[in-house]
C-alpha atoms as a PDB file:
ATOM      1  CA  MET A   1      20.651  -8.596 -10.005  1.00  0.00           C
ATOM      2  CA  SER A   2      17.725  -7.647  -7.810  1.00  0.00           C
ATOM      3  CA  VAL A   3      15.463 -10.345  -6.467  1.00  0.00           C
ATOM      4  CA  PRO A   4      12.043  -9.921  -4.887  1.00  0.00           C
ATOM      5  CA  SER A   5      12.897 -10.115  -1.214  1.00  0.00           C
ATOM      6  CA  VAL A   6       9.609  -9.047   0.262  1.00  0.00           C
ATOM      7  CA  ALA A   7       5.995  -9.897  -0.527  1.00  0.00           C
ATOM      8  CA  TRP A   8       3.605  -8.083   1.783  1.00  0.00           C
ATOM      9  CA  CYS A   9      -0.144  -7.905   1.868  1.00  0.00           C
ATOM     10  CA  VAL A  10      -1.846  -5.549   4.276  1.00  0.00           C
ATOM     11  CA  VAL A  11      -5.562  -5.651   5.006  1.00  0.00           C
ATOM     12  CA  ALA A  12      -7.474  -2.726   6.395  1.00  0.00           C
ATOM     13  CA  ALA A  13     -11.092  -3.078   7.461  1.00  0.00           C
ATOM     14  CA  ALA A  14     -13.227  -0.807   5.322  1.00  0.00           C
ATOM     15  CA  THR A  15     -16.739  -2.237   5.290  1.00  0.00           C
ATOM     16  CA  SER A  16     -18.741   0.984   5.167  1.00  0.00           C
ATOM     17  CA  VAL A  17     -16.600   2.680   2.518  1.00  0.00           C
ATOM     18  CA  PHE A  18     -17.516   0.216  -0.238  1.00  0.00           C
ATOM     19  CA  ALA A  19     -21.135  -0.551   0.575  1.00  0.00           C
ATOM     20  CA  GLN A  20     -22.636   1.481  -2.309  1.00  0.00           C
ATOM     21  CA  ALA A  21     -21.245  -0.042  -5.527  1.00  0.00           C
ATOM     22  CA  PRO A  22     -21.974  -3.549  -6.822  1.00  0.00           C
ATOM     23  CA  PRO A  23     -19.011  -5.947  -7.248  1.00  0.00           C
ATOM     24  CA  VAL A  24     -17.215  -6.155 -10.576  1.00  0.00           C
ATOM     25  CA  PRO A  25     -15.228  -9.291 -11.465  1.00  0.00           C
ATOM     26  CA  ALA A  26     -11.456  -8.721 -11.406  1.00  0.00           C
ATOM     27  CA  ASP A  27     -11.327 -10.134 -14.969  1.00  0.00           C
ATOM     28  CA  LEU A  28     -13.094  -6.999 -16.248  1.00  0.00           C
ATOM     29  CA  VAL A  29     -10.501  -4.521 -14.961  1.00  0.00           C
ATOM     30  CA  PRO A  30      -9.571  -1.836 -17.505  1.00  0.00           C
ATOM     31  CA  SER A  31      -5.909  -1.001 -18.025  1.00  0.00           C
ATOM     32  CA  ASP A  32      -6.131   2.464 -16.430  1.00  0.00           C
ATOM     33  CA  VAL A  33      -5.175   1.372 -12.906  1.00  0.00           C
ATOM     34  CA  ILE A  34      -2.827   4.358 -12.725  1.00  0.00           C
ATOM     35  CA  VAL A  35      -3.156   7.708 -14.489  1.00  0.00           C
ATOM     36  CA  ARG A  36      -0.307  10.214 -14.299  1.00  0.00           C
ATOM     37  CA  ASP A  37      -0.995  13.871 -15.042  1.00  0.00           C
ATOM     38  CA  ARG A  38       2.341  15.108 -16.385  1.00  0.00           C
ATOM     39  CA  ALA A  39       1.190  18.743 -16.344  1.00  0.00           C
ATOM     40  CA  THR A  40       0.408  18.841 -12.613  1.00  0.00           C
ATOM     41  CA  GLY A  41       2.594  15.970 -11.419  1.00  0.00           C
ATOM     42  CA  GLY A  42      -0.484  14.330  -9.894  1.00  0.00           C
ATOM     43  CA  THR A  43      -1.181  10.623  -9.953  1.00  0.00           C
ATOM     44  CA  THR A  44      -4.496   8.830  -9.591  1.00  0.00           C
ATOM     45  CA  VAL A  45      -4.536   5.153  -8.625  1.00  0.00           C
ATOM     46  CA  ARG A  46      -7.733   3.162  -8.948  1.00  0.00           C
ATOM     47  CA  MET A  47      -8.453   0.246  -6.633  1.00  0.00           C
ATOM     48  CA  THR A  48      -9.691  -3.017  -8.134  1.00  0.00           C
ATOM     49  CA  ARG A  49     -12.977  -4.432  -6.824  1.00  0.00           C
ATOM     50  CA  LEU A  50     -12.788  -8.151  -6.028  1.00  0.00           C
ATOM     51  CA  THR A  51     -15.676 -10.591  -5.876  1.00  0.00           C
ATOM     52  CA  ALA A  52     -13.934 -12.725  -3.202  1.00  0.00           C
ATOM     53  CA  PRO A  53     -11.320 -12.042  -0.512  1.00  0.00           C
ATOM     54  CA  LEU A  54      -7.616 -12.518  -1.239  1.00  0.00           C
ATOM     55  CA  LYS A  55      -5.636 -15.228   0.575  1.00  0.00           C
ATOM     56  CA  LEU A  56      -3.234 -13.588   3.016  1.00  0.00           C
ATOM     57  CA  ASP A  57      -0.311 -15.981   2.686  1.00  0.00           C
ATOM     58  CA  GLY A  58       2.399 -13.683   1.273  1.00  0.00           C
ATOM     59  CA  ARG A  59       2.539 -15.567  -2.042  1.00  0.00           C
ATOM     60  CA  LEU A  60       0.879 -13.069  -4.431  1.00  0.00           C
ATOM     61  CA  ASP A  61      -0.189 -15.882  -6.755  1.00  0.00           C
ATOM     62  CA  GLU A  62      -3.897 -15.103  -7.197  1.00  0.00           C
ATOM     63  CA  HIS A  63      -5.400 -14.145 -10.567  1.00  0.00           C
ATOM     64  CA  ILE A  64      -5.316 -10.400  -9.803  1.00  0.00           C
ATOM     65  CA  TYR A  65      -1.490 -10.351  -9.883  1.00  0.00           C
ATOM     66  CA  GLU A  66      -1.505 -11.730 -13.439  1.00  0.00           C
ATOM     67  CA  THR A  67      -4.356  -9.639 -14.869  1.00  0.00           C
ATOM     68  CA  VAL A  68      -4.160  -6.264 -13.126  1.00  0.00           C
ATOM     69  CA  PRO A  69      -1.094  -4.153 -13.895  1.00  0.00           C
ATOM     70  CA  PRO A  70       0.785  -3.107 -10.758  1.00  0.00           C
ATOM     71  CA  VAL A  71       1.519   0.448  -9.757  1.00  0.00           C
ATOM     72  CA  SER A  72       5.265   0.902 -10.252  1.00  0.00           C
ATOM     73  CA  ASP A  73       7.886   3.343 -11.570  1.00  0.00           C
ATOM     74  CA  PHE A  74       8.146   5.182  -8.267  1.00  0.00           C
ATOM     75  CA  ILE A  75      10.336   8.201  -7.573  1.00  0.00           C
ATOM     76  CA  GLN A  76      12.512   8.869  -4.549  1.00  0.00           C
ATOM     77  CA  MET A  77      11.809  11.251  -1.716  1.00  0.00           C
ATOM     78  CA  GLU A  78      15.202  10.581  -0.094  1.00  0.00           C
ATOM     79  CA  PRO A  79      18.109  10.659  -0.608  1.00  0.00           C
ATOM     80  CA  ASP A  80      17.679  11.972  -4.177  1.00  0.00           C
ATOM     81  CA  GLY A  81      14.200  13.519  -4.334  1.00  0.00           C
ATOM     82  CA  GLY A  82      12.569  13.350  -7.755  1.00  0.00           C
ATOM     83  CA  GLN A  83      14.935  10.716  -9.130  1.00  0.00           C
ATOM     84  CA  PRO A  84      13.713   7.239 -10.188  1.00  0.00           C
ATOM     85  CA  ALA A  85      13.627   4.639  -7.406  1.00  0.00           C
ATOM     86  CA  THR A  86      16.795   2.561  -7.175  1.00  0.00           C
ATOM     87  CA  GLU A  87      14.892  -0.708  -6.639  1.00  0.00           C
ATOM     88  CA  LYS A  88      11.818  -2.087  -8.398  1.00  0.00           C
ATOM     89  CA  THR A  89       8.553  -2.075  -6.426  1.00  0.00           C
ATOM     90  CA  GLU A  90       5.108  -3.245  -7.535  1.00  0.00           C
ATOM     91  CA  ILE A  91       1.886  -2.445  -5.680  1.00  0.00           C
ATOM     92  CA  TRP A  92      -1.692  -3.643  -6.176  1.00  0.00           C
ATOM     93  CA  LEU A  93      -4.672  -1.953  -4.512  1.00  0.00           C
ATOM     94  CA  ALA A  94      -7.896  -3.921  -4.255  1.00  0.00           C
ATOM     95  CA  PHE A  95     -11.025  -4.228  -2.139  1.00  0.00           C
ATOM     96  CA  ASP A  96     -13.904  -6.586  -1.501  1.00  0.00           C
ATOM     97  CA  GLN A  97     -17.096  -6.223   0.544  1.00  0.00           C
ATOM     98  CA  GLN A  98     -15.225  -5.973   3.864  1.00  0.00           C
ATOM     99  CA  ASN A  99     -11.535  -5.236   3.275  1.00  0.00           C
ATOM    100  CA  ALA A 100      -9.104  -3.018   1.447  1.00  0.00           C
ATOM    101  CA  TYR A 101      -5.908  -4.760   0.289  1.00  0.00           C
ATOM    102  CA  VAL A 102      -2.484  -3.312  -0.386  1.00  0.00           C
ATOM    103  CA  SER A 103      -0.171  -5.929  -1.866  1.00  0.00           C
ATOM    104  CA  VAL A 104       3.504  -5.165  -2.424  1.00  0.00           C
ATOM    105  CA  ARG A 105       6.304  -6.955  -4.222  1.00  0.00           C
ATOM    106  CA  ALA A 106       9.578  -5.189  -3.462  1.00  0.00           C
ATOM    107  CA  TRP A 107      12.974  -6.040  -4.921  1.00  0.00           C
ATOM    108  CA  GLU A 108      16.212  -5.548  -2.991  1.00  0.00           C
ATOM    109  CA  SER A 109      19.642  -5.942  -4.608  1.00  0.00           C
ATOM    110  CA  GLN A 110      21.453  -6.062  -1.255  1.00  0.00           C
ATOM    111  CA  PRO A 111      19.122  -7.802   1.231  1.00  0.00           C
ATOM    112  CA  GLU A 112      22.017  -8.391   3.631  1.00  0.00           C
ATOM    113  CA  ARG A 113      22.147  -4.613   4.224  1.00  0.00           C
ATOM    114  CA  MET A 114      18.490  -4.306   5.233  1.00  0.00           C
ATOM    115  CA  VAL A 115      17.807  -3.085   8.771  1.00  0.00           C
ATOM    116  CA  VAL A 116      14.662  -4.719  10.126  1.00  0.00           C
ATOM    117  CA  ASN A 117      14.617  -5.154  13.881  1.00  0.00           C
ATOM    118  CA  GLU A 118      11.188  -4.155  15.176  1.00  0.00           C
ATOM    119  CA  MET A 119       8.157  -6.387  15.610  1.00  0.00           C
ATOM    120  CA  ARG A 120       6.294  -4.555  18.385  1.00  0.00           C
ATOM    121  CA  ARG A 121       2.824  -3.367  17.439  1.00  0.00           C
ATOM    122  CA  ASP A 122       2.504   0.442  17.165  1.00  0.00           C
ATOM    123  CA  SER A 123       6.195   1.066  17.841  1.00  0.00           C
ATOM    124  CA  ASN A 124       7.640   4.302  16.472  1.00  0.00           C
ATOM    125  CA  ASN A 125      10.849   2.366  15.738  1.00  0.00           C
ATOM    126  CA  ILE A 126       9.266   0.592  12.749  1.00  0.00           C
ATOM    127  CA  ARG A 127      10.107   3.527  10.487  1.00  0.00           C
ATOM    128  CA  GLN A 128      13.750   3.551  11.650  1.00  0.00           C
ATOM    129  CA  GLY A 129      14.479   0.532   9.430  1.00  0.00           C
ATOM    130  CA  GLU A 130      13.118  -0.924   6.207  1.00  0.00           C
ATOM    131  CA  SER A 131       9.407  -0.238   6.119  1.00  0.00           C
ATOM    132  CA  LEU A 132       6.552   0.641   3.857  1.00  0.00           C
ATOM    133  CA  GLY A 133       4.033   3.330   4.694  1.00  0.00           C
ATOM    134  CA  PHE A 134       0.868   4.433   2.948  1.00  0.00           C
ATOM    135  CA  GLY A 135      -2.296   6.342   3.667  1.00  0.00           C
ATOM    136  CA  PHE A 136      -5.864   6.469   2.432  1.00  0.00           C
ATOM    137  CA  ASP A 137      -7.224   9.986   1.903  1.00  0.00           C
ATOM    138  CA  THR A 138     -10.812   8.792   2.294  1.00  0.00           C
ATOM    139  CA  PHE A 139     -12.323  12.293   2.111  1.00  0.00           C
ATOM    140  CA  HIS A 140     -10.123  13.253  -0.869  1.00  0.00           C
ATOM    141  CA  ASP A 141      -9.318  16.553   0.850  1.00  0.00           C
ATOM    142  CA  GLN A 142      -5.499  16.135   1.096  1.00  0.00           C
ATOM    143  CA  ARG A 143      -5.758  16.923   4.818  1.00  0.00           C
ATOM    144  CA  ASN A 144      -7.090  13.803   6.540  1.00  0.00           C
ATOM    145  CA  ALA A 145      -5.995  10.184   6.159  1.00  0.00           C
ATOM    146  CA  ILE A 146      -5.840   6.748   7.669  1.00  0.00           C
ATOM    147  CA  GLN A 147      -2.165   5.752   7.722  1.00  0.00           C
ATOM    148  CA  PHE A 148      -0.474   2.359   7.862  1.00  0.00           C
ATOM    149  CA  GLU A 149       3.146   1.264   8.119  1.00  0.00           C
ATOM    150  CA  ILE A 150       4.618  -2.245   8.038  1.00  0.00           C
ATOM    151  CA  ASN A 151       8.002  -3.909   7.852  1.00  0.00           C
ATOM    152  CA  PRO A 152       9.174  -7.288   6.484  1.00  0.00           C
ATOM    153  CA  LEU A 153       9.109  -8.872   9.964  1.00  0.00           C
ATOM    154  CA  GLY A 154       5.413  -8.129  10.381  1.00  0.00           C
ATOM    155  CA  GLY A 155       5.850  -5.111  12.637  1.00  0.00           C
ATOM    156  CA  ARG A 156       3.023  -2.678  12.026  1.00  0.00           C
ATOM    157  CA  THR A 157       1.489   0.561  13.127  1.00  0.00           C
ATOM    158  CA  ASP A 158      -1.550   2.530  12.068  1.00  0.00           C
ATOM    159  CA  GLY A 159      -3.225   5.780  12.884  1.00  0.00           C
ATOM    160  CA  GLN A 160      -5.288   8.682  11.721  1.00  0.00           C
ATOM    161  CA  SER A 161      -3.970  12.064  10.652  1.00  0.00           C
ATOM    162  CA  VAL A 162      -6.317  15.024  10.907  1.00  0.00           C
ATOM    163  CA  ASP A 163      -5.858  18.510   9.466  1.00  0.00           C
ATOM    164  CA  GLU A 164      -2.448  17.561   8.035  1.00  0.00           C
ATOM    165  CA  ARG A 165      -0.719  17.530  11.428  1.00  0.00           C
ATOM    166  CA  GLN A 166      -2.571  15.866  14.283  1.00  0.00           C
ATOM    167  CA  TYR A 167      -1.807  12.145  14.521  1.00  0.00           C
ATOM    168  CA  ASN A 168      -4.032   9.797  16.490  1.00  0.00           C
ATOM    169  CA  ALA A 169      -2.521   6.334  17.093  1.00  0.00           C
ATOM    170  CA  ASP A 170      -5.626   5.252  19.029  1.00  0.00           C
ATOM    171  CA  TRP A 171      -8.039   5.881  16.176  1.00  0.00           C
ATOM    172  CA  THR A 172      -9.632   2.414  16.358  1.00  0.00           C
ATOM    173  CA  ARG A 173      -9.856   2.289  20.144  1.00  0.00           C
ATOM    174  CA  ARG A 174     -13.006   4.242  20.940  1.00  0.00           C
END
């Protein structure tokens, strides 16, 4: 039986991205958080606007986790590309006036086999063990993104990818 072994919440500063639209209470969230286009294989995930910041305590017990359906039913990239994921994972995407939130509840049936041994900030070794990575395609051009990666120990790295290939790990250090 799988048990949730990891509860992560990542916050990325995103003040200017959300300055245009007025806040909508999380209670008024429609059920179309995720839309899958079976014909093209594309998926659209909608972030939920919050009226107040989330608590970053790893507990995932706020109202949003009860009222907003998580993104789930993932497919594998490796080792069996295209097959259903072997472990259950739930993800919530939300934002408030100053932050974007990515909350993850990940199940692991064999937690004793997990490899997690990196806590250094911006280490390339984070992705050598259990980790979660995601990116925000803020221009919606499928070429540029802000990327984040974390592991259960709190190791993290972030950067910017430009033109699909160039990676800038110093994107916030101008």
